[in-house]
């Protein structure tokens, strides 16, 4: 299930990103609540590796995906 804030503008790779990370939600070893598409510091010039994923201990809202279970 993908949840979006009503005023969120999505990136061209938004759905590709969620398609690639969806298997992580089904993996019990990952122990994830959800996958977020929001990163306050994700703009060009602030990141070194645009393909890297990070775990967080807070819930960054605006656009996220959770398992139905």
C-alpha atoms as a PDB file:
ATOM      1  CA  UNK A   1       0.000   0.000   0.000  1.00  0.00           C
ATOM      2  CA  UNK A   2       1.423   3.380  -1.019  1.00  0.00           C
ATOM      3  CA  UNK A   3       0.381   6.449   0.955  1.00  0.00           C
ATOM      4  CA  UNK A   4       0.940   9.980  -0.375  1.00  0.00           C
ATOM      5  CA  UNK A   5       0.344  13.448   1.003  1.00  0.00           C
ATOM      6  CA  UNK A   6      -2.159  15.183  -1.276  1.00  0.00           C
ATOM      7  CA  UNK A   7       0.288  17.891  -2.365  1.00  0.00           C
ATOM      8  CA  UNK A   8       3.315  15.661  -2.941  1.00  0.00           C
ATOM      9  CA  UNK A   9       4.945  15.836  -6.369  1.00  0.00           C
ATOM     10  CA  UNK A  10       6.514  12.490  -7.164  1.00  0.00           C
ATOM     11  CA  UNK A  11       9.821  11.943  -8.934  1.00  0.00           C
ATOM     12  CA  UNK A  12       9.951  10.153 -12.301  1.00  0.00           C
ATOM     13  CA  UNK A  13      11.465   7.072 -10.615  1.00  0.00           C
ATOM     14  CA  UNK A  14       8.996   7.012  -7.684  1.00  0.00           C
ATOM     15  CA  UNK A  15       7.213   3.786  -8.646  1.00  0.00           C
ATOM     16  CA  UNK A  16      10.432   2.111  -9.807  1.00  0.00           C
ATOM     17  CA  UNK A  17      11.928   2.844  -6.368  1.00  0.00           C
ATOM     18  CA  UNK A  18       8.989   1.255  -4.574  1.00  0.00           C
ATOM     19  CA  UNK A  19       8.976  -1.731  -6.943  1.00  0.00           C
ATOM     20  CA  UNK A  20      12.662  -2.302  -6.170  1.00  0.00           C
ATOM     21  CA  UNK A  21      12.231  -1.968  -2.386  1.00  0.00           C
ATOM     22  CA  UNK A  22       8.914  -3.843  -1.996  1.00  0.00           C
ATOM     23  CA  UNK A  23      10.669  -7.225  -1.485  1.00  0.00           C
ATOM     24  CA  UNK A  24      12.384  -5.768   1.595  1.00  0.00           C
ATOM     25  CA  UNK A  25       8.985  -5.378   3.279  1.00  0.00           C
ATOM     26  CA  UNK A  26       8.238  -9.077   2.750  1.00  0.00           C
ATOM     27  CA  UNK A  27      11.571 -10.213   4.189  1.00  0.00           C
ATOM     28  CA  UNK A  28      11.219 -10.972   7.935  1.00  0.00           C
ATOM     29  CA  UNK A  29      14.979 -10.594   8.386  1.00  0.00           C
ATOM     30  CA  UNK A  30      14.723  -6.914   7.382  1.00  0.00           C
ATOM     31  CA  UNK A  31      12.162  -6.138  10.129  1.00  0.00           C
ATOM     32  CA  UNK A  32      10.834  -3.009   8.376  1.00  0.00           C
ATOM     33  CA  UNK A  33       7.712  -0.983   9.166  1.00  0.00           C
ATOM     34  CA  UNK A  34       7.720   0.749   5.802  1.00  0.00           C
ATOM     35  CA  UNK A  35       9.738   2.263   2.978  1.00  0.00           C
ATOM     36  CA  UNK A  36       9.781   6.030   2.613  1.00  0.00           C
ATOM     37  CA  UNK A  37      10.271   8.055  -0.544  1.00  0.00           C
ATOM     38  CA  UNK A  38      11.114  11.196   1.415  1.00  0.00           C
ATOM     39  CA  UNK A  39      14.569  12.400   2.371  1.00  0.00           C
ATOM     40  CA  UNK A  40      15.008  15.946   3.668  1.00  0.00           C
ATOM     41  CA  UNK A  41      18.639  15.905   2.515  1.00  0.00           C
ATOM     42  CA  UNK A  42      18.194  13.997  -0.733  1.00  0.00           C
ATOM     43  CA  UNK A  43      18.780  16.896  -3.094  1.00  0.00           C
ATOM     44  CA  UNK A  44      21.660  16.972  -5.509  1.00  0.00           C
ATOM     45  CA  UNK A  45      24.750  18.313  -3.779  1.00  0.00           C
ATOM     46  CA  UNK A  46      23.824  16.735  -0.442  1.00  0.00           C
ATOM     47  CA  UNK A  47      24.277  13.078  -1.346  1.00  0.00           C
ATOM     48  CA  UNK A  48      27.320  11.042  -2.332  1.00  0.00           C
ATOM     49  CA  UNK A  49      25.626   7.851  -3.541  1.00  0.00           C
ATOM     50  CA  UNK A  50      22.132   8.280  -5.039  1.00  0.00           C
ATOM     51  CA  UNK A  51      21.594   4.484  -5.046  1.00  0.00           C
ATOM     52  CA  UNK A  52      22.251   3.978  -1.324  1.00  0.00           C
ATOM     53  CA  UNK A  53      19.426   3.111   1.102  1.00  0.00           C
ATOM     54  CA  UNK A  54      19.404   4.099   4.762  1.00  0.00           C
ATOM     55  CA  UNK A  55      17.566   2.758   7.780  1.00  0.00           C
ATOM     56  CA  UNK A  56      16.011   5.280  10.115  1.00  0.00           C
ATOM     57  CA  UNK A  57      14.649   5.197  13.652  1.00  0.00           C
ATOM     58  CA  UNK A  58      12.068   7.882  12.856  1.00  0.00           C
ATOM     59  CA  UNK A  59       9.184   7.819  10.409  1.00  0.00           C
ATOM     60  CA  UNK A  60       9.703  10.228   7.511  1.00  0.00           C
ATOM     61  CA  UNK A  61       6.230  10.808   6.119  1.00  0.00           C
ATOM     62  CA  UNK A  62       4.892  12.442   2.943  1.00  0.00           C
ATOM     63  CA  UNK A  63       5.203   9.367   0.726  1.00  0.00           C
ATOM     64  CA  UNK A  64       5.654   5.853   2.020  1.00  0.00           C
ATOM     65  CA  UNK A  65       4.832   2.208   1.375  1.00  0.00           C
ATOM     66  CA  UNK A  66       3.741  -0.373   3.920  1.00  0.00           C
ATOM     67  CA  UNK A  67       2.803  -4.023   3.791  1.00  0.00           C
ATOM     68  CA  UNK A  68      -0.918  -4.816   3.928  1.00  0.00           C
ATOM     69  CA  UNK A  69      -0.323  -7.454   6.600  1.00  0.00           C
END
